[in-house]
Every structure is written in C-alpha cells, then in structure tokens.
C-alpha cells in the first residue's frame, strides 16, 4: 500500500480510471490527444462540471442536484483546489478539460483546514438546505446535512499507514483511453516526491466499476476497527 510500492509494482498494470468504464478496449488506437497538466484557476468551472456529471456513483448527477448544481463541486473539488493546489491536476482533450485528479499530502492537516477554512463559508451558501436528518429528502439536503453534522473518517490506524488520499473523475467522453492510469501516476509521483508513504481513497460502495478499477491497481480494503460512513468504501 505504500507509495513507493504502488509506483514500482502497481502502476504498470493500471487500465483506465475510477470512472472509466465502457465497451471500448483499453488503449484502443485513437487519434485523440490527452494532455495532463497542473490545475489553473480558470479550470474551476469545468472540473466542477466534471464532478457533477460523474457524481452519482460515476453517473450523471445533474438532475439530482439541479437545485444546487455547484454543491458537489463545493464538497469534493473546491477544498482541494483551494487548500491543496500543489496536488491538483487536470486532463485536456480536443474539447477542453475533461477530468481531474486531486490529492492531499497530509490528510489530517487537510481535513483540519477543510473544517476551519472551507466548510463554514461553504455552508453559508446552502443555508436553505440545513435541516435535521429526518427532514432531509433531496440529494442536496442530505449532502449538506452530511457536511454539517457527520465527522470526517480518518482513524489513526488508517492515517498512520496511509497519510495521503486522492480523488479522481473523468468525463464520459474521455473514458476508456487509459487516461486515468497516467493521471494517477502523475499524482502519486507528486505525493511520493513530497515524502508520502501511502495513499487511501473513499468511494461510493455502489460504484462497482470504480471498485474493480482500484482492485486492478492493487488497492484493497484495509482492516480497520472502525466502520466507514454508510455507503462508503475505503481502499488503500
């Protein structure tokens, strides 16, 4: 599970991305060109859109979050590009930005900044969604409740072995070309350079495509004494 081991043993076998799943064979010959580069501030609207389009266990969440289309991005993208920009990368195709990979070197420090610096101002944007659990009916209301009331999952036993974490999404049009392999290699290399010894990720338990992908990378579910949040799978 260590970064060095991932780089040396697992990365040569990557095949796609967590949201990459199609009938197209990996590495099918194509004239399409993909460029991976560091995130820039003007990319924000496009990676927010990517988050929304892949936000329902890899599928389009636009309808579910039609009332607050920026909410998913404010939860899963915004904190990284503002609090951990050195570990934010995007991929471009001929149509523009079509995916991202985000990471945090020290998850404990990142989550502390998230709670102190990002979350308070973000929740103010969604005050209309602040309801008690029993009153939450829409996807937006449930996510805001989770952001406001549910603790972030980072037990010491996970953090000690895997202090870093990552998050990746790619637009459907660019899935199946091996883009995810190169993006994760880029992020892991950046994390390793800064001294990370291991990385974990959270994923929706219902996203079978993502689970199979991460298994191919060599990720597995670590043995933890505590249970992750409902509907969430931890892999490291």
C-alpha atoms as a PDB file:
ATOM      1  CA  UNK A   1       0.000   0.000   0.000  1.00  0.00           C
ATOM      2  CA  UNK A   2       2.992   2.365   0.287  1.00  0.00           C
ATOM      3  CA  UNK A   3       3.523   4.962  -2.416  1.00  0.00           C
ATOM      4  CA  UNK A   4       6.886   3.503  -3.432  1.00  0.00           C
ATOM      5  CA  UNK A   5       5.403   0.041  -3.814  1.00  0.00           C
ATOM      6  CA  UNK A   6       2.486   1.413  -5.809  1.00  0.00           C
ATOM      7  CA  UNK A   7       4.839   3.217  -8.167  1.00  0.00           C
ATOM      8  CA  UNK A   8       7.158   0.251  -8.678  1.00  0.00           C
ATOM      9  CA  UNK A   9       4.709  -2.642  -8.736  1.00  0.00           C
ATOM     10  CA  UNK A  10       1.185  -1.482  -9.451  1.00  0.00           C
ATOM     11  CA  UNK A  11       1.308   1.447 -11.828  1.00  0.00           C
ATOM     12  CA  UNK A  12       2.493  -0.520 -14.870  1.00  0.00           C
ATOM     13  CA  UNK A  13      -0.747  -2.503 -14.679  1.00  0.00           C
ATOM     14  CA  UNK A  14      -3.228   0.380 -14.480  1.00  0.00           C
ATOM     15  CA  UNK A  15      -6.041   0.285 -17.020  1.00  0.00           C
ATOM     16  CA  UNK A  16      -8.178   3.411 -17.062  1.00  0.00           C
ATOM     17  CA  UNK A  17      -9.712   5.461 -14.281  1.00  0.00           C
ATOM     18  CA  UNK A  18     -12.158   5.048 -11.452  1.00  0.00           C
ATOM     19  CA  UNK A  19     -14.939   6.386 -13.622  1.00  0.00           C
ATOM     20  CA  UNK A  20     -13.609   4.878 -16.826  1.00  0.00           C
ATOM     21  CA  UNK A  21     -15.844   2.071 -17.956  1.00  0.00           C
ATOM     22  CA  UNK A  22     -17.037   1.393 -21.464  1.00  0.00           C
ATOM     23  CA  UNK A  23     -17.208  -1.287 -24.100  1.00  0.00           C
ATOM     24  CA  UNK A  24     -14.107   0.210 -25.667  1.00  0.00           C
ATOM     25  CA  UNK A  25     -10.993  -1.846 -25.100  1.00  0.00           C
ATOM     26  CA  UNK A  26      -8.280  -0.094 -23.088  1.00  0.00           C
ATOM     27  CA  UNK A  27      -5.733   1.653 -25.288  1.00  0.00           C
ATOM     28  CA  UNK A  28      -7.821   1.253 -28.426  1.00  0.00           C
ATOM     29  CA  UNK A  29      -5.952   3.069 -31.209  1.00  0.00           C
ATOM     30  CA  UNK A  30      -7.220   6.620 -31.425  1.00  0.00           C
ATOM     31  CA  UNK A  31      -6.236   9.942 -32.925  1.00  0.00           C
ATOM     32  CA  UNK A  32      -7.320  11.721 -29.746  1.00  0.00           C
ATOM     33  CA  UNK A  33      -4.700  13.531 -27.726  1.00  0.00           C
ATOM     34  CA  UNK A  34      -4.794  13.975 -23.956  1.00  0.00           C
ATOM     35  CA  UNK A  35      -2.642  16.429 -22.029  1.00  0.00           C
ATOM     36  CA  UNK A  36      -2.212  16.247 -18.252  1.00  0.00           C
ATOM     37  CA  UNK A  37      -1.116  19.437 -16.554  1.00  0.00           C
ATOM     38  CA  UNK A  38      -1.327  21.230 -13.192  1.00  0.00           C
ATOM     39  CA  UNK A  39      -4.652  22.810 -12.305  1.00  0.00           C
ATOM     40  CA  UNK A  40      -5.129  26.504 -13.114  1.00  0.00           C
ATOM     41  CA  UNK A  41      -7.780  28.792 -11.618  1.00  0.00           C
ATOM     42  CA  UNK A  42      -9.665  29.103 -14.911  1.00  0.00           C
ATOM     43  CA  UNK A  43     -10.258  25.314 -14.848  1.00  0.00           C
ATOM     44  CA  UNK A  44     -12.593  25.529 -11.860  1.00  0.00           C
ATOM     45  CA  UNK A  45     -15.955  25.675 -13.713  1.00  0.00           C
ATOM     46  CA  UNK A  46     -15.013  22.743 -15.923  1.00  0.00           C
ATOM     47  CA  UNK A  47     -13.846  20.456 -13.145  1.00  0.00           C
ATOM     48  CA  UNK A  48     -16.925  21.378 -11.120  1.00  0.00           C
ATOM     49  CA  UNK A  49     -18.947  20.247 -14.140  1.00  0.00           C
ATOM     50  CA  UNK A  50     -16.963  17.017 -14.324  1.00  0.00           C
ATOM     51  CA  UNK A  51     -17.717  16.362 -10.672  1.00  0.00           C
ATOM     52  CA  UNK A  52     -21.431  16.859 -11.289  1.00  0.00           C
ATOM     53  CA  UNK A  53     -21.571  14.727 -14.442  1.00  0.00           C
ATOM     54  CA  UNK A  54     -19.830  11.820 -12.673  1.00  0.00           C
ATOM     55  CA  UNK A  55     -21.220  12.474  -9.194  1.00  0.00           C
ATOM     56  CA  UNK A  56     -23.791   9.696  -8.925  1.00  0.00           C
ATOM     57  CA  UNK A  57     -21.514   6.710  -8.346  1.00  0.00           C
ATOM     58  CA  UNK A  58     -19.821   7.501 -11.652  1.00  0.00           C
ATOM     59  CA  UNK A  59     -23.013   8.549 -13.418  1.00  0.00           C
ATOM     60  CA  UNK A  60     -24.583  11.936 -14.139  1.00  0.00           C
ATOM     61  CA  UNK A  61     -25.924  13.666 -11.025  1.00  0.00           C
ATOM     62  CA  UNK A  62     -27.181  16.787 -12.802  1.00  0.00           C
ATOM     63  CA  UNK A  63     -30.854  16.007 -12.215  1.00  0.00           C
ATOM     64  CA  UNK A  64     -30.360  15.045  -8.569  1.00  0.00           C
ATOM     65  CA  UNK A  65     -28.564  18.323  -7.830  1.00  0.00           C
ATOM     66  CA  UNK A  66     -30.495  20.577 -10.182  1.00  0.00           C
ATOM     67  CA  UNK A  67     -31.386  22.858  -7.266  1.00  0.00           C
ATOM     68  CA  UNK A  68     -27.735  23.407  -6.300  1.00  0.00           C
ATOM     69  CA  UNK A  69     -25.506  22.281  -9.193  1.00  0.00           C
ATOM     70  CA  UNK A  70     -22.316  23.590  -7.557  1.00  0.00           C
ATOM     71  CA  UNK A  71     -22.829  21.681  -4.308  1.00  0.00           C
ATOM     72  CA  UNK A  72     -20.998  18.505  -5.295  1.00  0.00           C
ATOM     73  CA  UNK A  73     -18.068  20.540  -6.533  1.00  0.00           C
ATOM     74  CA  UNK A  74     -18.010  22.582  -3.335  1.00  0.00           C
ATOM     75  CA  UNK A  75     -17.754  19.366  -1.361  1.00  0.00           C
ATOM     76  CA  UNK A  76     -15.419  17.229  -3.447  1.00  0.00           C
ATOM     77  CA  UNK A  77     -13.417  19.622  -5.645  1.00  0.00           C
ATOM     78  CA  UNK A  78     -13.275  23.096  -4.141  1.00  0.00           C
ATOM     79  CA  UNK A  79     -11.429  22.152  -0.947  1.00  0.00           C
ATOM     80  CA  UNK A  80      -8.606  20.533  -2.907  1.00  0.00           C
ATOM     81  CA  UNK A  81      -8.009  23.238  -5.485  1.00  0.00           C
ATOM     82  CA  UNK A  82      -8.019  25.920  -2.783  1.00  0.00           C
ATOM     83  CA  UNK A  83      -6.374  24.118   0.146  1.00  0.00           C
ATOM     84  CA  UNK A  84      -4.131  21.622  -1.671  1.00  0.00           C
ATOM     85  CA  UNK A  85      -3.447  23.103  -5.135  1.00  0.00           C
ATOM     86  CA  UNK A  86       0.008  21.545  -5.470  1.00  0.00           C
ATOM     87  CA  UNK A  87      -1.672  18.154  -5.821  1.00  0.00           C
ATOM     88  CA  UNK A  88      -4.378  19.121  -8.312  1.00  0.00           C
ATOM     89  CA  UNK A  89      -4.054  18.056 -11.947  1.00  0.00           C
ATOM     90  CA  UNK A  90      -6.404  18.199 -14.912  1.00  0.00           C
ATOM     91  CA  UNK A  91      -6.527  16.400 -18.245  1.00  0.00           C
ATOM     92  CA  UNK A  92      -7.488  18.057 -21.515  1.00  0.00           C
ATOM     93  CA  UNK A  93      -8.691  16.582 -24.786  1.00  0.00           C
ATOM     94  CA  UNK A  94      -9.540  18.335 -28.050  1.00  0.00           C
ATOM     95  CA  UNK A  95     -12.705  19.758 -26.477  1.00  0.00           C
ATOM     96  CA  UNK A  96     -11.063  21.094 -23.337  1.00  0.00           C
ATOM     97  CA  UNK A  97     -10.703  19.990 -19.723  1.00  0.00           C
ATOM     98  CA  UNK A  98     -12.299  16.574 -19.296  1.00  0.00           C
ATOM     99  CA  UNK A  99     -11.106  15.267 -15.939  1.00  0.00           C
ATOM    100  CA  UNK A 100      -9.121  15.824 -12.792  1.00  0.00           C
ATOM    101  CA  UNK A 101      -7.186  14.079 -10.080  1.00  0.00           C
ATOM    102  CA  UNK A 102      -6.878  15.714  -6.672  1.00  0.00           C
ATOM    103  CA  UNK A 103      -4.940  14.795  -3.580  1.00  0.00           C
ATOM    104  CA  UNK A 104      -3.833  15.811  -0.121  1.00  0.00           C
ATOM    105  CA  UNK A 105      -0.363  15.033   1.194  1.00  0.00           C
ATOM    106  CA  UNK A 106      -1.323  15.066   4.886  1.00  0.00           C
ATOM    107  CA  UNK A 107      -4.971  14.128   5.285  1.00  0.00           C
ATOM    108  CA  UNK A 108      -5.158  15.134   8.936  1.00  0.00           C
ATOM    109  CA  UNK A 109      -3.873  18.648   8.210  1.00  0.00           C
ATOM    110  CA  UNK A 110      -6.079  18.897   5.130  1.00  0.00           C
ATOM    111  CA  UNK A 111      -9.235  17.896   6.999  1.00  0.00           C
ATOM    112  CA  UNK A 112      -8.414  20.410   9.733  1.00  0.00           C
ATOM    113  CA  UNK A 113      -8.152  23.171   7.140  1.00  0.00           C
ATOM    114  CA  UNK A 114     -11.325  21.939   5.476  1.00  0.00           C
ATOM    115  CA  UNK A 115     -13.299  22.215   8.702  1.00  0.00           C
ATOM    116  CA  UNK A 116     -11.798  25.544   9.766  1.00  0.00           C
ATOM    117  CA  UNK A 117     -11.354  27.408   6.490  1.00  0.00           C
ATOM    118  CA  UNK A 118     -13.560  25.864   3.807  1.00  0.00           C
ATOM    119  CA  UNK A 119     -16.638  24.386   5.412  1.00  0.00           C
ATOM    120  CA  UNK A 120     -18.006  27.429   7.331  1.00  0.00           C
ATOM    121  CA  UNK A 121     -18.108  29.725   4.306  1.00  0.00           C
ATOM    122  CA  UNK A 122     -19.398  26.963   2.058  1.00  0.00           C
ATOM    123  CA  UNK A 123     -22.309  26.055   4.315  1.00  0.00           C
ATOM    124  CA  UNK A 124     -23.448  29.676   4.271  1.00  0.00           C
ATOM    125  CA  UNK A 125     -24.193  29.258   0.568  1.00  0.00           C
ATOM    126  CA  UNK A 126     -26.580  26.401   1.301  1.00  0.00           C
ATOM    127  CA  UNK A 127     -28.329  27.589   4.449  1.00  0.00           C
ATOM    128  CA  UNK A 128     -31.705  26.811   2.853  1.00  0.00           C
ATOM    129  CA  UNK A 129     -30.737  23.123   2.857  1.00  0.00           C
ATOM    130  CA  UNK A 130     -29.855  22.972   6.543  1.00  0.00           C
ATOM    131  CA  UNK A 131     -32.387  20.590   8.006  1.00  0.00           C
ATOM    132  CA  UNK A 132     -32.435  17.829  10.556  1.00  0.00           C
ATOM    133  CA  UNK A 133     -31.736  14.341   9.275  1.00  0.00           C
ATOM    134  CA  UNK A 134     -35.365  13.250   9.376  1.00  0.00           C
ATOM    135  CA  UNK A 135     -36.335  16.287   7.304  1.00  0.00           C
ATOM    136  CA  UNK A 136     -33.800  15.714   4.524  1.00  0.00           C
ATOM    137  CA  UNK A 137     -35.428  14.468   1.338  1.00  0.00           C
ATOM    138  CA  UNK A 138     -33.439  15.813  -1.611  1.00  0.00           C
ATOM    139  CA  UNK A 139     -29.884  14.859  -2.544  1.00  0.00           C
ATOM    140  CA  UNK A 140     -28.762  18.393  -1.769  1.00  0.00           C
ATOM    141  CA  UNK A 141     -30.336  18.373   1.686  1.00  0.00           C
ATOM    142  CA  UNK A 142     -28.747  15.026   2.520  1.00  0.00           C
ATOM    143  CA  UNK A 143     -25.292  16.146   1.387  1.00  0.00           C
ATOM    144  CA  UNK A 144     -25.475  19.416   3.300  1.00  0.00           C
ATOM    145  CA  UNK A 145     -26.543  17.506   6.413  1.00  0.00           C
ATOM    146  CA  UNK A 146     -23.565  15.196   5.974  1.00  0.00           C
ATOM    147  CA  UNK A 147     -21.192  18.141   5.553  1.00  0.00           C
ATOM    148  CA  UNK A 148     -22.603  19.913   8.589  1.00  0.00           C
ATOM    149  CA  UNK A 149     -23.116  17.046  11.017  1.00  0.00           C
ATOM    150  CA  UNK A 150     -21.149  13.940  10.132  1.00  0.00           C
ATOM    151  CA  UNK A 151     -17.463  13.628  11.108  1.00  0.00           C
ATOM    152  CA  UNK A 152     -14.807  13.000   8.503  1.00  0.00           C
ATOM    153  CA  UNK A 153     -13.484   9.447   8.577  1.00  0.00           C
ATOM    154  CA  UNK A 154      -9.777   9.299   9.391  1.00  0.00           C
ATOM    155  CA  UNK A 155      -8.976   6.820  12.164  1.00  0.00           C
ATOM    156  CA  UNK A 156      -5.388   6.791  13.420  1.00  0.00           C
ATOM    157  CA  UNK A 157      -4.839   3.272  12.149  1.00  0.00           C
ATOM    158  CA  UNK A 158      -5.589   4.450   8.606  1.00  0.00           C
ATOM    159  CA  UNK A 159      -3.672   7.718   8.831  1.00  0.00           C
ATOM    160  CA  UNK A 160      -0.523   6.126  10.233  1.00  0.00           C
ATOM    161  CA  UNK A 161      -0.112   3.838   7.218  1.00  0.00           C
ATOM    162  CA  UNK A 162      -1.763   5.956   4.555  1.00  0.00           C
ATOM    163  CA  UNK A 163      -1.456   9.658   5.393  1.00  0.00           C
ATOM    164  CA  UNK A 164      -2.340  10.876   1.891  1.00  0.00           C
ATOM    165  CA  UNK A 165      -5.540  10.481  -0.111  1.00  0.00           C
ATOM    166  CA  UNK A 166      -6.772  11.029  -3.656  1.00  0.00           C
ATOM    167  CA  UNK A 167      -9.909  11.674  -5.696  1.00  0.00           C
ATOM    168  CA  UNK A 168     -10.284  11.267  -9.488  1.00  0.00           C
ATOM    169  CA  UNK A 169     -13.048  11.776 -12.052  1.00  0.00           C
ATOM    170  CA  UNK A 170     -13.077  11.790 -15.855  1.00  0.00           C
ATOM    171  CA  UNK A 171     -15.837  12.887 -18.236  1.00  0.00           C
ATOM    172  CA  UNK A 172     -17.561  10.019 -20.075  1.00  0.00           C
ATOM    173  CA  UNK A 173     -16.282  11.180 -23.467  1.00  0.00           C
ATOM    174  CA  UNK A 174     -12.696  10.567 -22.391  1.00  0.00           C
ATOM    175  CA  UNK A 175     -13.104   7.294 -20.555  1.00  0.00           C
ATOM    176  CA  UNK A 176     -11.591   4.079 -21.833  1.00  0.00           C
ATOM    177  CA  UNK A 177      -8.390   5.531 -23.259  1.00  0.00           C
ATOM    178  CA  UNK A 178      -6.087   4.853 -20.317  1.00  0.00           C
ATOM    179  CA  UNK A 179      -6.201   8.472 -19.174  1.00  0.00           C
ATOM    180  CA  UNK A 180      -6.807   7.537 -15.556  1.00  0.00           C
ATOM    181  CA  UNK A 181      -3.634   5.462 -15.451  1.00  0.00           C
ATOM    182  CA  UNK A 182      -1.500   8.429 -16.416  1.00  0.00           C
ATOM    183  CA  UNK A 183      -3.327  10.835 -14.117  1.00  0.00           C
ATOM    184  CA  UNK A 184      -2.903   8.665 -11.051  1.00  0.00           C
ATOM    185  CA  UNK A 185       0.740   8.089 -11.919  1.00  0.00           C
ATOM    186  CA  UNK A 186       1.182  11.864 -12.042  1.00  0.00           C
ATOM    187  CA  UNK A 187      -0.401  12.407  -8.634  1.00  0.00           C
ATOM    188  CA  UNK A 188       1.348   9.508  -6.937  1.00  0.00           C
ATOM    189  CA  UNK A 189       4.666  10.761  -8.254  1.00  0.00           C
ATOM    190  CA  UNK A 190       3.975  14.216  -6.812  1.00  0.00           C
ATOM    191  CA  UNK A 191       2.970  12.758  -3.449  1.00  0.00           C
ATOM    192  CA  UNK A 192       5.969  10.457  -3.344  1.00  0.00           C
ATOM    193  CA  UNK A 193       8.321  13.338  -4.116  1.00  0.00           C
ATOM    194  CA  UNK A 194       6.984  15.181  -1.067  1.00  0.00           C
ATOM    195  CA  UNK A 195       7.564  12.176   1.185  1.00  0.00           C
ATOM    196  CA  UNK A 196       4.201  10.402   1.329  1.00  0.00           C
ATOM    197  CA  UNK A 197       4.409   6.779   2.424  1.00  0.00           C
ATOM    198  CA  UNK A 198       0.879   5.691   1.494  1.00  0.00           C
ATOM    199  CA  UNK A 199      -2.417   6.773  -0.018  1.00  0.00           C
ATOM    200  CA  UNK A 200      -6.056   5.890   0.553  1.00  0.00           C
ATOM    201  CA  UNK A 201      -9.302   6.835  -1.117  1.00  0.00           C
ATOM    202  CA  UNK A 202     -13.012   6.876  -0.398  1.00  0.00           C
ATOM    203  CA  UNK A 203     -15.543   5.688  -2.948  1.00  0.00           C
ATOM    204  CA  UNK A 204     -19.253   5.044  -3.141  1.00  0.00           C
ATOM    205  CA  UNK A 205     -19.912   1.433  -2.232  1.00  0.00           C
ATOM    206  CA  UNK A 206     -22.385   1.177  -5.117  1.00  0.00           C
ATOM    207  CA  UNK A 207     -19.788   2.109  -7.732  1.00  0.00           C
ATOM    208  CA  UNK A 208     -18.778  -1.345  -8.895  1.00  0.00           C
ATOM    209  CA  UNK A 209     -16.810  -0.017 -11.856  1.00  0.00           C
ATOM    210  CA  UNK A 210     -14.607   2.075  -9.601  1.00  0.00           C
ATOM    211  CA  UNK A 211     -14.117  -0.808  -7.187  1.00  0.00           C
ATOM    212  CA  UNK A 212     -12.922  -3.123  -9.974  1.00  0.00           C
ATOM    213  CA  UNK A 213     -10.602  -0.449 -11.273  1.00  0.00           C
ATOM    214  CA  UNK A 214      -8.958   0.176  -7.923  1.00  0.00           C
ATOM    215  CA  UNK A 215      -8.591  -3.553  -7.356  1.00  0.00           C
ATOM    216  CA  UNK A 216      -6.662  -3.754 -10.625  1.00  0.00           C
ATOM    217  CA  UNK A 217      -4.334  -1.084  -9.289  1.00  0.00           C
ATOM    218  CA  UNK A 218      -3.650  -3.232  -6.248  1.00  0.00           C
ATOM    219  CA  UNK A 219      -5.783  -1.273  -3.795  1.00  0.00           C
ATOM    220  CA  UNK A 220      -7.750  -3.257  -1.254  1.00  0.00           C
ATOM    221  CA  UNK A 221      -9.955  -2.592   1.737  1.00  0.00           C
ATOM    222  CA  UNK A 222      -7.722  -2.200   4.803  1.00  0.00           C
ATOM    223  CA  UNK A 223      -8.602  -3.966   8.023  1.00  0.00           C
ATOM    224  CA  UNK A 224      -9.975  -1.221  10.231  1.00  0.00           C
ATOM    225  CA  UNK A 225     -11.602  -1.491  13.633  1.00  0.00           C
ATOM    226  CA  UNK A 226     -13.956   1.392  12.866  1.00  0.00           C
ATOM    227  CA  UNK A 227     -16.663   1.380  10.234  1.00  0.00           C
ATOM    228  CA  UNK A 228     -16.511   3.978   7.414  1.00  0.00           C
ATOM    229  CA  UNK A 229     -19.587   6.148   6.774  1.00  0.00           C
ATOM    230  CA  UNK A 230     -22.651   4.375   5.427  1.00  0.00           C
ATOM    231  CA  UNK A 231     -22.396   3.806   1.683  1.00  0.00           C
ATOM    232  CA  UNK A 232     -18.653   4.441   1.639  1.00  0.00           C
ATOM    233  CA  UNK A 233     -15.800   2.046   0.917  1.00  0.00           C
ATOM    234  CA  UNK A 234     -12.217   2.801   1.932  1.00  0.00           C
ATOM    235  CA  UNK A 235      -9.393   1.437  -0.193  1.00  0.00           C
ATOM    236  CA  UNK A 236      -5.649   1.747   0.329  1.00  0.00           C
END
